[in-house]
């Protein structure tokens, strides 16, 4: 009897574009629980997988996490394949793959074919999120953004509620330049009807070679900033002064009185909410910084942790 392949739905988009928000919205609206999620965090500590499990729609969800690099990079693809083989055994109807914001998705089909998983999975849809407020500004210096857009079946232009008319015009121009065939959906808070995203796509568009591994100091870098017990005002002041270096930041900080806060930068606007980290989650912030900024950024954070208030 021929195997029924698992529908693989690939989510791409630059750091902070709204992939996890989109995925949580999809999961909360899908009927039944016959799906799995593979989450790829570029940073050294996984954050998104833990948040999906505790958000509405994530109860009992099977989540596999790959951290510290891109799943399409040649030095991380083995971890990705292990996750795919797990879901090949579990046999969900659908597998959502949330790629790192710095992932070039062109190697997706090659990974399936080279590891004889193309009979287990069908790449049914490739979806790219575009942050309407800043993706177009970063695309010239970060070619991976252009590849994410060019290989997608559906483009979701997100954060339209906070984008200016100029932002929207520039974002739509970029999308049209790189991929006129894809359907373009304008959204706020990544709110999309899942029915629009479940139809078969164009498998051949996500075909190509794996990424080369980045050398130390080459391209954006990921840092893990230990939490300590810092006053929230000190953390906000530190981050506000370094917005030019930050591409993405998310994670938990615990104050001296024990209060926990989840930090999440949203297109350069730092947002925090009172929230305990999931059980087993490392406290601290995952920061993705521009090329060349990592060493000084980490040193200044250590100096902040060494101040008397942080040690109390």
Protein backbone atom coordinates (compact mmCIF):
# COMPACT_ATOMS: atom_id res chain seq x y z
CA UNK A 1 0.00 0.00 0.00
CA UNK A 2 1.36 3.40 -0.95
CA UNK A 3 2.16 5.73 1.93
CA UNK A 4 0.14 8.90 2.30
CA UNK A 5 2.75 11.64 2.64
CA UNK A 6 2.61 14.17 5.46
CA UNK A 7 1.86 17.70 4.27
CA UNK A 8 4.85 19.87 5.17
CA UNK A 9 4.04 23.58 5.50
CA UNK A 10 7.14 25.75 5.60
CA UNK A 11 7.05 29.13 7.35
CA UNK A 12 9.83 31.61 6.64
CA UNK A 13 10.38 35.30 7.24
CA UNK A 14 12.99 37.55 8.79
CA UNK A 15 13.52 37.86 12.53
CA UNK A 16 10.45 39.25 14.25
CA UNK A 17 8.18 39.18 11.19
CA UNK A 18 5.49 37.25 13.09
CA UNK A 19 6.06 33.57 12.28
CA UNK A 20 5.30 32.26 15.78
CA UNK A 21 2.25 34.51 16.06
CA UNK A 22 1.01 33.19 12.72
CA UNK A 23 1.65 29.59 13.70
CA UNK A 24 -0.13 29.92 17.04
CA UNK A 25 -3.11 31.48 15.27
CA UNK A 26 -3.24 28.61 12.78
CA UNK A 27 -2.97 25.94 15.49
CA UNK A 28 -5.71 27.53 17.60
CA UNK A 29 -8.12 27.42 14.66
CA UNK A 30 -7.36 23.99 13.21
CA UNK A 31 -9.82 21.26 14.12
CA UNK A 32 -8.38 18.16 15.74
CA UNK A 33 -4.80 17.63 16.86
CA UNK A 34 -3.34 15.72 13.93
CA UNK A 35 -0.34 18.00 13.34
CA UNK A 36 3.18 18.60 14.58
CA UNK A 37 5.58 21.51 14.72
CA UNK A 38 9.32 21.73 14.11
CA UNK A 39 10.72 25.05 15.35
CA UNK A 40 14.13 26.42 14.38
CA UNK A 41 15.66 29.12 16.62
CA UNK A 42 18.80 30.82 15.31
CA UNK A 43 19.91 31.59 18.87
CA UNK A 44 21.69 29.25 21.31
CA UNK A 45 18.58 28.86 23.52
CA UNK A 46 15.20 27.80 22.12
CA UNK A 47 12.35 30.18 22.99
CA UNK A 48 9.56 29.78 20.44
CA UNK A 49 8.86 26.08 21.03
CA UNK A 50 8.20 26.60 24.74
CA UNK A 51 5.89 29.52 24.05
CA UNK A 52 3.87 27.52 21.49
CA UNK A 53 3.23 24.78 24.05
CA UNK A 54 1.69 27.15 26.60
CA UNK A 55 -0.27 29.42 24.25
CA UNK A 56 -3.87 28.63 23.20
CA UNK A 57 -3.82 25.84 20.63
CA UNK A 58 -0.58 24.35 21.93
CA UNK A 59 -1.92 21.94 24.55
CA UNK A 60 -0.47 18.48 23.93
CA UNK A 61 1.30 19.68 20.81
CA UNK A 62 4.27 17.63 19.63
CA UNK A 63 7.10 20.18 19.16
CA UNK A 64 10.65 19.41 18.04
CA UNK A 65 13.23 22.18 18.41
CA UNK A 66 16.46 22.87 16.53
CA UNK A 67 18.50 25.73 17.95
CA UNK A 68 21.80 27.53 17.40
CA UNK A 69 21.71 27.92 13.62
CA UNK A 70 19.59 27.43 10.52
CA UNK A 71 18.06 24.04 9.69
CA UNK A 72 19.08 24.58 6.06
CA UNK A 73 22.73 25.12 6.93
CA UNK A 74 24.97 22.16 6.10
CA UNK A 75 26.22 21.92 9.70
CA UNK A 76 22.71 21.85 11.25
CA UNK A 77 20.79 19.80 8.69
CA UNK A 78 21.46 16.55 10.60
CA UNK A 79 19.47 17.90 13.58
CA UNK A 80 16.67 18.86 11.21
CA UNK A 81 16.65 15.39 9.64
CA UNK A 82 16.37 13.79 13.10
CA UNK A 83 13.25 15.85 13.71
CA UNK A 84 11.79 14.94 10.34
CA UNK A 85 12.38 11.23 11.01
CA UNK A 86 10.59 11.57 14.35
CA UNK A 87 7.51 12.99 12.66
CA UNK A 88 7.74 10.40 9.87
CA UNK A 89 7.22 7.80 12.64
CA UNK A 90 4.47 9.78 14.39
CA UNK A 91 2.66 10.35 11.08
CA UNK A 92 0.70 13.56 11.71
CA UNK A 93 -1.46 14.79 8.87
CA UNK A 94 0.45 18.09 8.75
CA UNK A 95 3.89 19.22 9.87
CA UNK A 96 4.55 22.93 10.28
CA UNK A 97 8.22 23.89 9.99
CA UNK A 98 9.01 27.33 11.40
CA UNK A 99 12.43 28.19 10.01
CA UNK A 100 14.88 30.61 11.58
CA UNK A 101 14.57 34.20 10.45
CA UNK A 102 18.02 33.87 8.89
CA UNK A 103 17.28 30.63 7.01
CA UNK A 104 17.55 30.30 3.23
CA UNK A 105 14.76 27.80 2.41
CA UNK A 106 15.98 26.70 -1.02
CA UNK A 107 17.50 23.51 0.41
CA UNK A 108 14.19 22.11 1.72
CA UNK A 109 13.43 19.72 -1.11
CA UNK A 110 17.08 18.63 -1.34
CA UNK A 111 17.05 17.60 2.34
CA UNK A 112 13.94 15.49 1.79
CA UNK A 113 15.35 13.85 -1.35
CA UNK A 114 18.89 13.24 -0.09
CA UNK A 115 17.61 11.61 3.10
CA UNK A 116 14.94 9.52 1.35
CA UNK A 117 12.16 11.38 3.13
CA UNK A 118 10.40 12.60 0.00
CA UNK A 119 8.07 9.61 0.28
CA UNK A 120 7.17 10.55 3.85
CA UNK A 121 6.64 14.28 3.29
CA UNK A 122 5.08 16.42 0.61
CA UNK A 123 6.22 20.05 0.62
CA UNK A 124 2.72 21.37 0.15
CA UNK A 125 3.15 25.06 0.92
CA UNK A 126 5.90 27.61 1.45
CA UNK A 127 4.78 30.77 3.27
CA UNK A 128 6.96 33.85 3.80
CA UNK A 129 6.13 36.63 6.22
CA UNK A 130 7.18 40.17 5.38
CA UNK A 131 7.42 42.74 8.18
CA UNK A 132 5.89 45.74 6.44
CA UNK A 133 7.81 48.17 8.64
CA UNK A 134 11.35 47.03 7.95
CA UNK A 135 11.84 44.00 5.70
CA UNK A 136 12.32 46.16 2.60
CA UNK A 137 15.00 48.20 4.42
CA UNK A 138 17.02 45.07 5.25
CA UNK A 139 16.61 43.13 2.00
CA UNK A 140 19.50 44.83 0.18
CA UNK A 141 22.06 43.89 2.84
CA UNK A 142 20.63 40.46 3.76
CA UNK A 143 20.18 38.31 0.61
CA UNK A 144 18.46 35.57 2.64
CA UNK A 145 15.39 37.81 2.91
CA UNK A 146 15.15 37.97 -0.86
CA UNK A 147 15.39 34.17 -1.14
CA UNK A 148 12.62 33.71 1.44
CA UNK A 149 10.31 35.95 -0.57
CA UNK A 150 11.31 34.55 -3.98
CA UNK A 151 10.63 30.90 -3.06
CA UNK A 152 7.24 31.39 -1.35
CA UNK A 153 3.82 30.33 -2.57
CA UNK A 154 2.11 32.82 -0.26
CA UNK A 155 3.47 36.15 0.97
CA UNK A 156 1.99 37.56 4.17
CA UNK A 157 2.59 41.28 4.50
CA UNK A 158 2.31 41.63 8.28
CA UNK A 159 2.16 44.60 10.69
CA UNK A 160 0.15 46.68 8.26
CA UNK A 161 -1.49 48.38 11.24
CA UNK A 162 1.77 50.09 12.25
CA UNK A 163 3.34 50.54 8.81
CA UNK A 164 3.27 53.90 7.07
CA UNK A 165 1.93 54.34 3.55
CA UNK A 166 5.55 54.62 2.42
CA UNK A 167 6.42 51.36 4.20
CA UNK A 168 3.51 49.55 2.57
CA UNK A 169 4.32 50.82 -0.91
CA UNK A 170 7.98 49.83 -0.57
CA UNK A 171 7.12 46.39 0.83
CA UNK A 172 4.64 45.63 -1.94
CA UNK A 173 7.15 46.80 -4.53
CA UNK A 174 9.77 44.42 -3.12
CA UNK A 175 7.30 41.52 -3.15
CA UNK A 176 6.32 42.23 -6.75
CA UNK A 177 9.96 42.52 -7.82
CA UNK A 178 10.93 39.17 -6.34
CA UNK A 179 7.82 37.03 -6.70
CA UNK A 180 4.88 38.10 -8.85
CA UNK A 181 3.36 34.61 -8.82
CA UNK A 182 2.78 34.35 -5.08
CA UNK A 183 -0.49 35.37 -3.48
CA UNK A 184 -0.02 38.48 -1.30
CA UNK A 185 -2.11 38.77 1.87
CA UNK A 186 -2.03 41.93 3.99
CA UNK A 187 -2.43 41.36 7.73
CA UNK A 188 -2.04 42.76 11.21
CA UNK A 189 -0.92 40.49 14.08
CA UNK A 190 -0.45 37.75 11.44
CA UNK A 191 -4.20 37.04 11.53
CA UNK A 192 -4.88 34.81 8.51
CA UNK A 193 -7.61 32.27 7.85
CA UNK A 194 -5.78 28.88 7.82
CA UNK A 195 -7.89 27.79 4.83
CA UNK A 196 -5.98 30.29 2.69
CA UNK A 197 -2.68 28.64 3.62
CA UNK A 198 -3.50 24.96 3.25
CA UNK A 199 -3.81 24.64 -0.51
CA UNK A 200 -1.02 22.89 -2.47
CA UNK A 201 1.84 25.12 -3.57
CA UNK A 202 4.72 24.91 -6.02
CA UNK A 203 7.19 22.40 -4.65
CA UNK A 204 9.90 23.19 -7.20
CA UNK A 205 10.28 26.76 -5.93
CA UNK A 206 11.94 25.59 -2.72
CA UNK A 207 14.71 23.63 -4.41
CA UNK A 208 18.42 24.32 -4.25
CA UNK A 209 21.62 23.75 -2.33
CA UNK A 210 22.12 23.87 1.43
CA UNK A 211 23.54 27.00 2.99
CA UNK A 212 27.24 27.18 3.78
CA UNK A 213 28.09 27.34 7.48
CA UNK A 214 28.88 30.86 8.66
CA UNK A 215 32.34 31.54 10.02
CA UNK A 216 32.63 33.23 13.44
CA UNK A 217 31.95 36.95 13.07
CA UNK A 218 30.41 36.50 9.62
CA UNK A 219 26.91 37.90 9.33
CA UNK A 220 24.46 38.46 12.21
CA UNK A 221 25.36 36.71 15.46
CA UNK A 222 23.29 35.22 18.26
CA UNK A 223 23.97 35.83 21.95
CA UNK A 224 22.43 34.49 25.13
CA UNK A 225 22.28 37.17 27.81
CA UNK A 226 21.94 35.57 31.24
CA UNK A 227 19.08 36.91 33.31
CA UNK A 228 20.66 37.59 36.68
CA UNK A 229 18.19 39.57 38.82
CA UNK A 230 18.11 42.94 37.16
CA UNK A 231 15.68 45.80 37.84
CA UNK A 232 13.39 46.07 34.85
CA UNK A 233 14.26 49.73 34.37
CA UNK A 234 17.95 48.85 33.94
CA UNK A 235 17.15 46.25 31.30
CA UNK A 236 14.92 48.61 29.33
CA UNK A 237 17.50 51.40 29.47
CA UNK A 238 20.25 49.04 28.28
CA UNK A 239 18.20 47.73 25.34
CA UNK A 240 16.84 51.11 24.30
CA UNK A 241 20.38 52.45 23.97
CA UNK A 242 21.34 49.59 21.64
CA UNK A 243 18.45 49.39 19.20
CA UNK A 244 20.76 50.11 16.26
CA UNK A 245 22.74 46.92 16.93
CA UNK A 246 19.73 44.68 17.65
CA UNK A 247 18.03 42.71 14.89
CA UNK A 248 15.92 40.56 17.25
CA UNK A 249 15.52 39.99 20.97
CA UNK A 250 13.25 37.72 23.00
CA UNK A 251 13.31 35.93 26.32
CA UNK A 252 12.67 36.23 30.04
CA UNK A 253 14.12 38.45 32.76
CA UNK A 254 13.49 37.95 36.48
CA UNK A 255 13.58 41.02 38.73
CA UNK A 256 15.08 41.07 42.25
CA UNK A 257 11.56 40.70 43.74
CA UNK A 258 10.97 37.52 41.70
CA UNK A 259 8.67 39.01 39.03
CA UNK A 260 9.29 37.53 35.56
CA UNK A 261 8.90 39.45 32.32
CA UNK A 262 8.88 38.25 28.72
CA UNK A 263 10.70 40.66 26.41
CA UNK A 264 10.05 40.73 22.69
CA UNK A 265 11.19 43.38 20.25
CA UNK A 266 8.58 44.16 17.64
CA UNK A 267 10.05 46.02 14.66
CA UNK A 268 12.30 48.07 16.90
CA UNK A 269 9.62 48.61 19.57
CA UNK A 270 10.45 46.74 22.76
CA UNK A 271 7.41 45.04 24.28
CA UNK A 272 7.31 43.28 27.64
CA UNK A 273 4.60 41.42 29.47
CA UNK A 274 4.38 39.84 32.89
CA UNK A 275 4.83 36.14 32.18
CA UNK A 276 6.55 33.21 33.84
CA UNK A 277 8.81 31.14 31.58
CA UNK A 278 7.61 27.64 30.67
CA UNK A 279 8.82 24.85 32.94
CA UNK A 280 12.42 23.98 32.08
CA UNK A 281 12.96 27.16 30.05
CA UNK A 282 16.30 28.95 30.53
CA UNK A 283 15.82 32.48 31.82
CA UNK A 284 17.64 35.16 29.87
CA UNK A 285 17.47 36.98 26.56
CA UNK A 286 18.36 35.67 23.12
CA UNK A 287 19.71 38.59 21.09
CA UNK A 288 20.52 38.58 17.38
CA UNK A 289 22.89 41.45 16.65
CA UNK A 290 24.43 42.93 13.55
CA UNK A 291 27.76 41.72 12.22
CA UNK A 292 30.64 42.92 14.38
CA UNK A 293 28.49 44.00 17.34
CA UNK A 294 28.42 40.79 19.38
CA UNK A 295 31.61 41.12 21.43
CA UNK A 296 30.94 44.63 22.71
CA UNK A 297 27.25 43.91 23.28
CA UNK A 298 28.06 40.87 25.43
CA UNK A 299 30.76 42.72 27.36
CA UNK A 300 28.43 45.59 28.24
CA UNK A 301 25.74 43.15 29.39
CA UNK A 302 28.23 41.42 31.69
CA UNK A 303 29.12 44.81 33.15
CA UNK A 304 25.43 45.45 33.81
CA UNK A 305 25.10 42.10 35.58
CA UNK A 306 28.12 42.92 37.75
CA UNK A 307 26.48 46.04 39.21
CA UNK A 308 25.41 45.73 42.88
CA UNK A 309 21.64 45.79 42.18
CA UNK A 310 21.98 42.80 39.86
CA UNK A 311 23.68 40.72 42.55
CA UNK A 312 21.17 41.31 45.35
